[in-house]
Structures are given as structure tokens and as C-alpha cells.
Amino acid sequence: MKVQYLYACLLLAIPVTHTLHAADPAPSTRATDKAGEKPAPTVPAAKLPDLTVTKFVMNTEKLDRNKTILLIRVENIGTAPSARTGVIVDCRLPDKENQHCPGTTPPPRFHLPALAIGEGRNFTVPLRHLLPHAGKKDRHELRARVDTGVRIQDGNRYNNFRKLEIVY
């Protein structure tokens, strides 16, 4: 019983001591300047590409499996050029355990060349490549995703996809 109590106290004390050490302010550079020493150089943040899906829309207002085209734009908004990777557009049925839409395996894939900082590429996919021939008024979630295989180091993985919900 005593051992369990001591162990619990020890577990509670560890985060407190870590917090105390983390809260200590860094030594003032004024003190080192007075002593004639140079302050330690600061390490600049790593420069990384940041691939993002900036646009994922349909070219028509009314949904038409044979005429509607999906427009996708991927841009590098990071601080370094990106490496080559890929873009995938897929369709899921969120109300049916997130399964793939019938007839869309494998999903359309595109090669994305290396992008310079601020550069982007446009892609188009006919909606008929993602939807079955006859609709049942199911809710469909269309997703455009870049670098799904995590092939490149990216500044922000949370902007690597965009989704579009439709009923077909």
C-alpha cells in the first residue's frame, strides 16, 4: 500500500518539476554582453515546402455525372521547393462506413512535379470517373489529397486535402 502511494506521488511530482525547469527564463544576453562574450547564435527555423490543395470545386452549379468536371489546384505555399509526389482524387460514402464509391477503384491519380515556392498546378477530373452510373440519392464525399504516401517533409500536413460533399 505504501509503495503504491509513493509511486503515485512520484508520478505526480515529475510533471511539476518539468514545468518548473521549463518555466525558468533564459539567461539574459545583457549579462553576457557585459562580460564581453558573444550571445549564442539562434538557430533559424527549417525551410520546408508546404503543399496544399487550394481549390477543389465543380465547374457546374447543377450536378451532372457526364458534364461536371472537378477542378483541383495544388500549390506550394512553403519556404522551400517541394519534391515530386502525387495527387489522388477519391470518392467515399460517409453514411456507409466510409466505403469507396462503387466503380471508383483505383481512384484517379496524378503526377505532381517538383514545385518551386509559390508555384502551383491545376488538375481536372470528370465526375463520371468517381460516381456510379445510377445514383441512389446517397451522400458522397469527394476528396482531393496531395502526398498521400508522405514522401516529402511538409510544413503543414493538415492542409494536404480538401473535400466536397454532394448527393447523387
N, C-alpha and C. Protein backbone atom coordinates (compact mmCIF):
# COMPACT_ATOMS: atom_id res chain seq x y z
N MET A 1 0.83 -1.19 0.00
CA MET A 1 0.00 0.00 0.00
C MET A 1 0.87 1.26 0.00
N LYS A 2 1.93 1.25 0.88
CA LYS A 2 2.81 2.41 0.93
C LYS A 2 3.56 2.59 -0.38
N VAL A 3 3.94 1.48 -1.00
CA VAL A 3 4.69 1.55 -2.24
C VAL A 3 3.81 2.18 -3.33
N GLN A 4 2.54 1.79 -3.39
CA GLN A 4 1.64 2.36 -4.39
C GLN A 4 1.45 3.85 -4.15
N TYR A 5 1.34 4.26 -2.89
CA TYR A 5 1.18 5.67 -2.56
C TYR A 5 2.43 6.47 -2.97
N LEU A 6 3.62 5.93 -2.66
CA LEU A 6 4.86 6.62 -3.03
C LEU A 6 4.99 6.70 -4.55
N TYR A 7 4.62 5.64 -5.23
CA TYR A 7 4.69 5.63 -6.69
C TYR A 7 3.76 6.68 -7.29
N ALA A 8 2.55 6.80 -6.76
CA ALA A 8 1.60 7.80 -7.23
C ALA A 8 2.14 9.21 -6.99
N CYS A 9 2.74 9.45 -5.81
CA CYS A 9 3.32 10.76 -5.51
C CYS A 9 4.46 11.08 -6.47
N LEU A 10 5.27 10.08 -6.78
CA LEU A 10 6.38 10.28 -7.69
C LEU A 10 5.87 10.65 -9.09
N LEU A 11 4.84 9.98 -9.56
CA LEU A 11 4.27 10.28 -10.86
C LEU A 11 3.69 11.69 -10.92
N LEU A 12 3.11 12.14 -9.83
CA LEU A 12 2.56 13.48 -9.79
C LEU A 12 3.66 14.54 -9.72
N ALA A 13 4.80 14.21 -9.13
CA ALA A 13 5.87 15.18 -8.95
C ALA A 13 6.66 15.41 -10.23
N ILE A 14 6.74 14.41 -11.09
CA ILE A 14 7.56 14.54 -12.31
C ILE A 14 7.08 15.69 -13.19
N PRO A 15 5.77 15.78 -13.54
CA PRO A 15 5.36 16.92 -14.38
C PRO A 15 5.58 18.27 -13.72
N VAL A 16 5.49 18.33 -12.39
CA VAL A 16 5.68 19.60 -11.68
C VAL A 16 7.13 20.05 -11.81
N THR A 17 8.08 19.13 -11.61
CA THR A 17 9.48 19.54 -11.73
C THR A 17 9.83 19.90 -13.16
N HIS A 18 9.24 19.18 -14.12
CA HIS A 18 9.47 19.52 -15.53
C HIS A 18 8.93 20.93 -15.83
N THR A 19 7.77 21.25 -15.29
CA THR A 19 7.17 22.56 -15.50
C THR A 19 8.04 23.65 -14.89
N LEU A 20 8.59 23.39 -13.71
CA LEU A 20 9.44 24.39 -13.07
C LEU A 20 10.69 24.66 -13.90
N HIS A 21 11.31 23.60 -14.42
CA HIS A 21 12.51 23.81 -15.23
C HIS A 21 12.17 24.47 -16.56
N ALA A 22 11.03 24.13 -17.12
CA ALA A 22 10.65 24.72 -18.41
C ALA A 22 10.29 26.19 -18.25
N ALA A 23 9.84 26.59 -17.07
CA ALA A 23 9.42 27.97 -16.85
C ALA A 23 10.59 28.90 -16.54
N ASP A 24 11.79 28.34 -16.25
CA ASP A 24 12.94 29.19 -15.97
C ASP A 24 13.24 30.05 -17.18
N PRO A 25 13.40 31.34 -16.99
CA PRO A 25 13.70 32.20 -18.14
C PRO A 25 15.11 31.93 -18.64
N ALA A 26 15.32 32.18 -19.90
CA ALA A 26 16.65 32.03 -20.49
C ALA A 26 17.56 33.10 -19.91
N PRO A 27 18.85 32.82 -19.79
CA PRO A 27 19.75 33.83 -19.24
C PRO A 27 19.75 35.08 -20.12
N SER A 28 19.83 36.20 -19.49
CA SER A 28 19.78 37.47 -20.19
C SER A 28 21.03 37.65 -21.04
N THR A 29 20.86 38.17 -22.23
CA THR A 29 22.02 38.42 -23.09
C THR A 29 22.80 39.63 -22.61
N ARG A 30 22.16 40.47 -21.80
CA ARG A 30 22.87 41.65 -21.27
C ARG A 30 24.03 41.23 -20.38
N ALA A 31 23.85 40.18 -19.59
CA ALA A 31 24.91 39.72 -18.70
C ALA A 31 26.09 39.22 -19.52
N THR A 32 25.83 38.51 -20.61
CA THR A 32 26.94 38.02 -21.42
C THR A 32 27.59 39.16 -22.19
N ASP A 33 26.79 40.17 -22.58
CA ASP A 33 27.37 41.30 -23.28
C ASP A 33 28.32 42.08 -22.36
N LYS A 34 27.94 42.22 -21.10
CA LYS A 34 28.78 42.95 -20.15
C LYS A 34 30.09 42.24 -19.92
N ALA A 35 30.05 40.90 -19.96
CA ALA A 35 31.28 40.14 -19.72
C ALA A 35 32.14 40.07 -20.97
N GLY A 36 31.66 40.60 -22.07
CA GLY A 36 32.44 40.62 -23.30
C GLY A 36 32.23 39.38 -24.16
N GLU A 37 31.34 38.51 -23.76
CA GLU A 37 31.08 37.30 -24.54
C GLU A 37 29.98 37.57 -25.56
N LYS A 38 30.04 36.85 -26.66
CA LYS A 38 29.01 36.98 -27.68
C LYS A 38 27.84 36.07 -27.33
N PRO A 39 26.61 36.54 -27.56
CA PRO A 39 25.46 35.68 -27.29
C PRO A 39 25.44 34.50 -28.27
N ALA A 40 24.85 33.40 -27.84
CA ALA A 40 24.77 32.21 -28.67
C ALA A 40 23.91 32.51 -29.91
N PRO A 41 24.33 32.04 -31.08
CA PRO A 41 23.53 32.30 -32.28
C PRO A 41 22.21 31.53 -32.21
N THR A 42 21.18 32.16 -32.74
CA THR A 42 19.88 31.49 -32.77
C THR A 42 19.80 30.60 -34.00
N VAL A 43 19.15 29.48 -33.87
CA VAL A 43 19.02 28.54 -34.97
C VAL A 43 17.78 28.92 -35.77
N PRO A 44 17.93 29.21 -37.07
CA PRO A 44 16.75 29.56 -37.87
C PRO A 44 15.85 28.35 -38.05
N ALA A 45 14.58 28.61 -38.23
CA ALA A 45 13.63 27.53 -38.46
C ALA A 45 13.95 26.85 -39.79
N ALA A 46 13.72 25.54 -39.83
CA ALA A 46 14.00 24.78 -41.05
C ALA A 46 13.06 25.24 -42.16
N LYS A 47 13.60 25.36 -43.35
CA LYS A 47 12.78 25.75 -44.50
C LYS A 47 12.17 24.48 -45.08
N LEU A 48 10.86 24.48 -45.18
CA LEU A 48 10.14 23.30 -45.68
C LEU A 48 9.13 23.70 -46.74
N PRO A 49 8.87 22.80 -47.68
CA PRO A 49 7.76 23.04 -48.60
C PRO A 49 6.44 22.84 -47.85
N ASP A 50 5.38 23.38 -48.36
CA ASP A 50 4.05 23.17 -47.78
C ASP A 50 3.06 23.03 -48.93
N LEU A 51 2.82 21.80 -49.33
CA LEU A 51 1.88 21.53 -50.41
C LEU A 51 0.47 21.59 -49.86
N THR A 52 -0.38 22.31 -50.54
CA THR A 52 -1.76 22.45 -50.09
C THR A 52 -2.71 22.39 -51.28
N VAL A 53 -3.89 21.81 -51.04
CA VAL A 53 -4.94 21.82 -52.05
C VAL A 53 -5.71 23.13 -51.83
N THR A 54 -5.48 24.10 -52.71
CA THR A 54 -6.09 25.42 -52.53
C THR A 54 -7.45 25.54 -53.20
N LYS A 55 -7.75 24.63 -54.15
CA LYS A 55 -9.02 24.72 -54.86
C LYS A 55 -9.51 23.31 -55.15
N PHE A 56 -10.80 23.06 -54.87
CA PHE A 56 -11.44 21.80 -55.21
C PHE A 56 -12.93 22.10 -55.39
N VAL A 57 -13.32 22.37 -56.64
CA VAL A 57 -14.68 22.81 -56.94
C VAL A 57 -15.18 22.10 -58.20
N MET A 58 -16.49 22.24 -58.45
CA MET A 58 -17.10 21.72 -59.67
C MET A 58 -17.27 22.87 -60.66
N ASN A 59 -17.23 22.56 -61.95
CA ASN A 59 -17.36 23.61 -62.95
C ASN A 59 -18.81 23.95 -63.27
N THR A 60 -19.77 23.22 -62.74
CA THR A 60 -21.19 23.48 -62.97
C THR A 60 -21.92 23.64 -61.65
N GLU A 61 -22.99 24.40 -61.66
CA GLU A 61 -23.81 24.55 -60.47
C GLU A 61 -24.63 23.29 -60.21
N LYS A 62 -25.23 22.77 -61.28
CA LYS A 62 -26.06 21.58 -61.16
C LYS A 62 -25.19 20.34 -61.39
N LEU A 63 -25.37 19.35 -60.54
CA LEU A 63 -24.60 18.12 -60.61
C LEU A 63 -25.05 17.28 -61.81
N ASP A 64 -24.11 17.01 -62.72
CA ASP A 64 -24.38 16.17 -63.88
C ASP A 64 -23.19 15.23 -64.04
N ARG A 65 -23.43 13.96 -63.85
CA ARG A 65 -22.35 12.97 -63.88
C ARG A 65 -21.54 13.05 -65.16
N ASN A 66 -22.16 13.31 -66.30
CA ASN A 66 -21.47 13.30 -67.59
C ASN A 66 -20.87 14.64 -67.99
N LYS A 67 -21.32 15.73 -67.42
CA LYS A 67 -20.83 17.06 -67.84
C LYS A 67 -20.00 17.77 -66.78
N THR A 68 -20.15 17.40 -65.53
CA THR A 68 -19.46 18.11 -64.45
C THR A 68 -17.99 17.68 -64.39
N ILE A 69 -17.13 18.67 -64.27
CA ILE A 69 -15.68 18.46 -64.15
C ILE A 69 -15.24 18.99 -62.79
N LEU A 70 -14.41 18.25 -62.10
CA LEU A 70 -13.83 18.72 -60.84
C LEU A 70 -12.53 19.45 -61.16
N LEU A 71 -12.40 20.64 -60.59
CA LEU A 71 -11.20 21.46 -60.78
C LEU A 71 -10.39 21.44 -59.48
N ILE A 72 -9.12 21.09 -59.59
CA ILE A 72 -8.25 20.95 -58.42
C ILE A 72 -7.00 21.80 -58.66
N ARG A 73 -6.58 22.54 -57.63
CA ARG A 73 -5.33 23.30 -57.70
C ARG A 73 -4.50 22.96 -56.48
N VAL A 74 -3.25 22.60 -56.72
CA VAL A 74 -2.29 22.30 -55.65
C VAL A 74 -1.18 23.33 -55.75
N GLU A 75 -0.83 23.93 -54.60
CA GLU A 75 0.23 24.95 -54.57
C GLU A 75 1.24 24.65 -53.48
N ASN A 76 2.44 25.15 -53.66
CA ASN A 76 3.47 25.08 -52.63
C ASN A 76 3.53 26.45 -51.97
N ILE A 77 2.98 26.54 -50.75
CA ILE A 77 2.97 27.81 -50.02
C ILE A 77 4.05 27.85 -48.94
N GLY A 78 4.99 26.90 -49.03
CA GLY A 78 6.04 26.79 -48.02
C GLY A 78 7.21 27.73 -48.28
N THR A 79 8.31 27.44 -47.60
CA THR A 79 9.51 28.28 -47.69
C THR A 79 10.65 27.59 -48.42
N ALA A 80 10.36 26.43 -49.06
CA ALA A 80 11.36 25.70 -49.82
C ALA A 80 10.67 24.98 -50.97
N PRO A 81 11.41 24.67 -52.03
CA PRO A 81 10.82 23.91 -53.13
C PRO A 81 10.42 22.51 -52.66
N SER A 82 9.42 21.93 -53.33
CA SER A 82 8.98 20.58 -52.95
C SER A 82 9.61 19.55 -53.88
N ALA A 83 9.56 18.32 -53.47
CA ALA A 83 9.99 17.21 -54.32
C ALA A 83 8.78 16.72 -55.12
N ARG A 84 9.00 15.78 -56.02
CA ARG A 84 7.89 15.22 -56.79
C ARG A 84 7.05 14.34 -55.88
N THR A 85 5.76 14.32 -56.16
CA THR A 85 4.84 13.47 -55.39
C THR A 85 3.60 13.24 -56.25
N GLY A 86 2.47 12.95 -55.62
CA GLY A 86 1.26 12.68 -56.38
C GLY A 86 0.02 13.28 -55.77
N VAL A 87 -1.04 13.30 -56.57
CA VAL A 87 -2.36 13.80 -56.15
C VAL A 87 -3.36 12.67 -56.42
N ILE A 88 -4.23 12.41 -55.45
CA ILE A 88 -5.28 11.40 -55.59
C ILE A 88 -6.62 12.07 -55.37
N VAL A 89 -7.60 11.71 -56.20
CA VAL A 89 -8.97 12.18 -56.03
C VAL A 89 -9.82 10.92 -55.82
N ASP A 90 -10.51 10.84 -54.70
CA ASP A 90 -11.32 9.66 -54.45
C ASP A 90 -12.70 10.03 -53.96
N CYS A 91 -13.55 9.02 -53.90
CA CYS A 91 -14.95 9.21 -53.51
C CYS A 91 -15.27 8.21 -52.41
N ARG A 92 -15.90 8.67 -51.35
CA ARG A 92 -16.29 7.81 -50.23
C ARG A 92 -17.77 8.01 -49.92
N LEU A 93 -18.35 7.00 -49.30
CA LEU A 93 -19.74 7.06 -48.83
C LEU A 93 -19.71 7.16 -47.31
N PRO A 94 -19.76 8.37 -46.75
CA PRO A 94 -19.62 8.52 -45.29
C PRO A 94 -20.76 7.87 -44.50
N ASP A 95 -21.95 7.76 -45.09
CA ASP A 95 -23.08 7.15 -44.38
C ASP A 95 -23.04 5.62 -44.42
N LYS A 96 -22.11 5.08 -45.19
CA LYS A 96 -21.99 3.62 -45.32
C LYS A 96 -20.59 3.18 -44.93
N GLU A 97 -20.21 3.50 -43.71
CA GLU A 97 -18.92 3.12 -43.13
C GLU A 97 -17.73 3.60 -43.95
N ASN A 98 -17.89 4.73 -44.61
CA ASN A 98 -16.80 5.39 -45.34
C ASN A 98 -16.21 4.51 -46.44
N GLN A 99 -17.01 3.65 -47.03
CA GLN A 99 -16.51 2.78 -48.10
C GLN A 99 -16.36 3.56 -49.40
N HIS A 100 -15.53 3.02 -50.29
CA HIS A 100 -15.33 3.66 -51.60
C HIS A 100 -16.63 3.64 -52.38
N CYS A 101 -16.82 4.64 -53.21
CA CYS A 101 -17.97 4.67 -54.10
C CYS A 101 -17.84 3.52 -55.10
N PRO A 102 -18.94 2.88 -55.47
CA PRO A 102 -18.86 1.76 -56.41
C PRO A 102 -18.26 2.19 -57.74
N GLY A 103 -17.36 1.38 -58.26
CA GLY A 103 -16.78 1.63 -59.57
C GLY A 103 -15.66 2.64 -59.60
N THR A 104 -15.08 3.01 -58.46
CA THR A 104 -14.02 4.02 -58.45
C THR A 104 -12.69 3.48 -57.96
N THR A 105 -12.47 2.18 -58.11
CA THR A 105 -11.21 1.62 -57.66
C THR A 105 -10.42 1.21 -58.89
N PRO A 106 -9.22 1.64 -59.11
CA PRO A 106 -8.48 2.59 -58.27
C PRO A 106 -8.93 4.02 -58.55
N PRO A 107 -8.74 4.90 -57.57
CA PRO A 107 -9.13 6.31 -57.78
C PRO A 107 -8.18 6.99 -58.75
N PRO A 108 -8.63 8.08 -59.40
CA PRO A 108 -7.74 8.82 -60.30
C PRO A 108 -6.52 9.36 -59.55
N ARG A 109 -5.36 9.18 -60.18
CA ARG A 109 -4.09 9.65 -59.60
C ARG A 109 -3.37 10.51 -60.63
N PHE A 110 -2.64 11.51 -60.12
CA PHE A 110 -1.88 12.41 -60.97
C PHE A 110 -0.47 12.55 -60.44
N HIS A 111 0.47 12.72 -61.36
CA HIS A 111 1.85 13.00 -61.00
C HIS A 111 1.97 14.50 -60.74
N LEU A 112 2.56 14.87 -59.62
CA LEU A 112 2.80 16.28 -59.29
C LEU A 112 4.31 16.51 -59.34
N PRO A 113 4.78 17.30 -60.30
CA PRO A 113 6.23 17.56 -60.37
C PRO A 113 6.68 18.41 -59.20
N ALA A 114 7.98 18.53 -59.05
CA ALA A 114 8.53 19.40 -58.01
C ALA A 114 8.02 20.82 -58.24
N LEU A 115 7.59 21.47 -57.17
CA LEU A 115 7.06 22.84 -57.28
C LEU A 115 7.99 23.82 -56.56
N ALA A 116 8.28 24.92 -57.21
CA ALA A 116 9.04 25.99 -56.58
C ALA A 116 8.15 26.71 -55.56
N ILE A 117 8.73 27.55 -54.76
CA ILE A 117 7.97 28.32 -53.77
C ILE A 117 6.96 29.19 -54.50
N GLY A 118 5.69 29.09 -54.11
CA GLY A 118 4.63 29.88 -54.72
C GLY A 118 4.07 29.31 -56.02
N GLU A 119 4.63 28.24 -56.51
CA GLU A 119 4.18 27.65 -57.77
C GLU A 119 3.02 26.68 -57.51
N GLY A 120 2.18 26.47 -58.52
CA GLY A 120 1.04 25.57 -58.39
C GLY A 120 0.74 24.85 -59.69
N ARG A 121 -0.11 23.83 -59.61
CA ARG A 121 -0.55 23.06 -60.78
C ARG A 121 -2.04 22.84 -60.69
N ASN A 122 -2.69 22.83 -61.86
CA ASN A 122 -4.13 22.57 -61.95
C ASN A 122 -4.37 21.17 -62.51
N PHE A 123 -5.43 20.52 -62.02
CA PHE A 123 -5.83 19.20 -62.49
C PHE A 123 -7.34 19.20 -62.69
N THR A 124 -7.81 18.36 -63.61
CA THR A 124 -9.25 18.22 -63.82
C THR A 124 -9.61 16.74 -63.84
N VAL A 125 -10.77 16.42 -63.29
CA VAL A 125 -11.29 15.05 -63.28
C VAL A 125 -12.76 15.11 -63.65
N PRO A 126 -13.18 14.38 -64.70
CA PRO A 126 -14.62 14.29 -64.98
C PRO A 126 -15.31 13.55 -63.84
N LEU A 127 -16.43 14.05 -63.41
CA LEU A 127 -17.15 13.48 -62.29
C LEU A 127 -17.56 12.03 -62.57
N ARG A 128 -17.72 11.67 -63.84
CA ARG A 128 -18.14 10.31 -64.18
C ARG A 128 -17.09 9.27 -63.76
N HIS A 129 -15.82 9.70 -63.57
CA HIS A 129 -14.79 8.78 -63.12
C HIS A 129 -14.93 8.42 -61.64
N LEU A 130 -15.76 9.15 -60.92
CA LEU A 130 -15.90 8.92 -59.49
C LEU A 130 -17.25 8.38 -59.07
N LEU A 131 -18.28 8.61 -59.86
CA LEU A 131 -19.64 8.24 -59.47
C LEU A 131 -20.15 7.05 -60.28
N PRO A 132 -20.99 6.21 -59.69
CA PRO A 132 -21.59 5.09 -60.43
C PRO A 132 -22.57 5.62 -61.49
N HIS A 133 -22.99 4.74 -62.40
CA HIS A 133 -23.89 5.15 -63.49
C HIS A 133 -25.23 5.66 -62.98
N ALA A 134 -25.80 5.00 -62.00
CA ALA A 134 -27.11 5.41 -61.46
C ALA A 134 -26.95 5.82 -60.01
N GLY A 135 -27.50 6.98 -59.67
CA GLY A 135 -27.42 7.46 -58.30
C GLY A 135 -28.62 7.00 -57.48
N LYS A 136 -28.40 6.89 -56.15
CA LYS A 136 -29.48 6.47 -55.23
C LYS A 136 -29.75 7.55 -54.19
N LYS A 137 -29.37 8.77 -54.48
CA LYS A 137 -29.51 9.90 -53.54
C LYS A 137 -28.70 9.66 -52.25
N ASP A 138 -27.53 9.05 -52.42
CA ASP A 138 -26.61 8.87 -51.29
C ASP A 138 -25.72 10.10 -51.17
N ARG A 139 -25.24 10.32 -49.95
CA ARG A 139 -24.29 11.40 -49.72
C ARG A 139 -22.90 10.88 -50.08
N HIS A 140 -22.19 11.61 -50.93
CA HIS A 140 -20.85 11.25 -51.37
C HIS A 140 -19.87 12.31 -50.90
N GLU A 141 -18.71 11.87 -50.48
CA GLU A 141 -17.64 12.78 -50.08
C GLU A 141 -16.49 12.62 -51.07
N LEU A 142 -16.27 13.64 -51.88
CA LEU A 142 -15.17 13.64 -52.83
C LEU A 142 -13.98 14.30 -52.15
N ARG A 143 -12.80 13.69 -52.30
CA ARG A 143 -11.61 14.22 -51.63
C ARG A 143 -10.45 14.33 -52.61
N ALA A 144 -9.78 15.45 -52.58
CA ALA A 144 -8.54 15.64 -53.33
C ALA A 144 -7.42 15.70 -52.30
N ARG A 145 -6.43 14.81 -52.46
CA ARG A 145 -5.35 14.71 -51.48
C ARG A 145 -4.00 14.74 -52.19
N VAL A 146 -3.06 15.44 -51.60
CA VAL A 146 -1.71 15.52 -52.16
C VAL A 146 -0.74 14.84 -51.20
N ASP A 147 0.26 14.17 -51.76
CA ASP A 147 1.31 13.48 -50.99
C ASP A 147 0.72 12.52 -49.97
N THR A 148 -0.13 11.61 -50.43
CA THR A 148 -0.77 10.67 -49.52
C THR A 148 0.21 9.65 -48.96
N GLY A 149 1.30 9.40 -49.67
CA GLY A 149 2.30 8.44 -49.20
C GLY A 149 3.33 9.06 -48.27
N VAL A 150 3.16 10.32 -47.90
CA VAL A 150 4.08 11.07 -47.04
C VAL A 150 5.52 10.88 -47.57
N ARG A 151 5.71 11.21 -48.83
CA ARG A 151 7.02 11.06 -49.47
C ARG A 151 7.94 12.25 -49.21
N ILE A 152 7.35 13.40 -48.91
CA ILE A 152 8.18 14.59 -48.69
C ILE A 152 7.88 15.16 -47.31
N GLN A 153 8.87 15.82 -46.74
CA GLN A 153 8.67 16.51 -45.48
C GLN A 153 7.87 17.77 -45.78
N ASP A 154 6.82 18.02 -45.02
CA ASP A 154 5.88 19.08 -45.34
C ASP A 154 5.70 19.98 -44.12
N GLY A 155 5.58 21.27 -44.35
CA GLY A 155 5.41 22.22 -43.27
C GLY A 155 4.11 22.08 -42.50
N ASN A 156 3.04 21.65 -43.19
CA ASN A 156 1.73 21.52 -42.55
C ASN A 156 0.94 20.41 -43.25
N ARG A 157 0.78 19.28 -42.64
CA ARG A 157 0.05 18.15 -43.22
C ARG A 157 -1.46 18.35 -43.19
N TYR A 158 -1.95 19.29 -42.38
CA TYR A 158 -3.39 19.48 -42.23
C TYR A 158 -4.04 20.19 -43.41
N ASN A 159 -3.25 20.72 -44.33
CA ASN A 159 -3.82 21.38 -45.49
C ASN A 159 -3.54 20.59 -46.77
N ASN A 160 -3.21 19.31 -46.65
CA ASN A 160 -2.88 18.48 -47.81
C ASN A 160 -4.11 17.86 -48.47
N PHE A 161 -5.30 18.22 -48.03
CA PHE A 161 -6.50 17.68 -48.65
C PHE A 161 -7.63 18.70 -48.58
N ARG A 162 -8.62 18.45 -49.41
CA ARG A 162 -9.84 19.25 -49.38
C ARG A 162 -10.97 18.32 -49.79
N LYS A 163 -12.14 18.53 -49.23
CA LYS A 163 -13.26 17.65 -49.57
C LYS A 163 -14.46 18.44 -50.06
N LEU A 164 -15.32 17.74 -50.76
CA LEU A 164 -16.51 18.31 -51.36
C LEU A 164 -17.62 17.29 -51.17
N GLU A 165 -18.73 17.69 -50.55
CA GLU A 165 -19.83 16.77 -50.32
C GLU A 165 -20.94 17.02 -51.33
N ILE A 166 -21.43 15.92 -51.92
CA ILE A 166 -22.54 16.01 -52.89
C ILE A 166 -23.52 14.90 -52.59
N VAL A 167 -24.74 15.04 -53.11
CA VAL A 167 -25.76 13.99 -53.01
C VAL A 167 -26.05 13.54 -54.44
N TYR A 168 -25.87 12.23 -54.67
CA TYR A 168 -26.08 11.68 -56.01
C TYR A 168 -26.75 10.33 -55.89
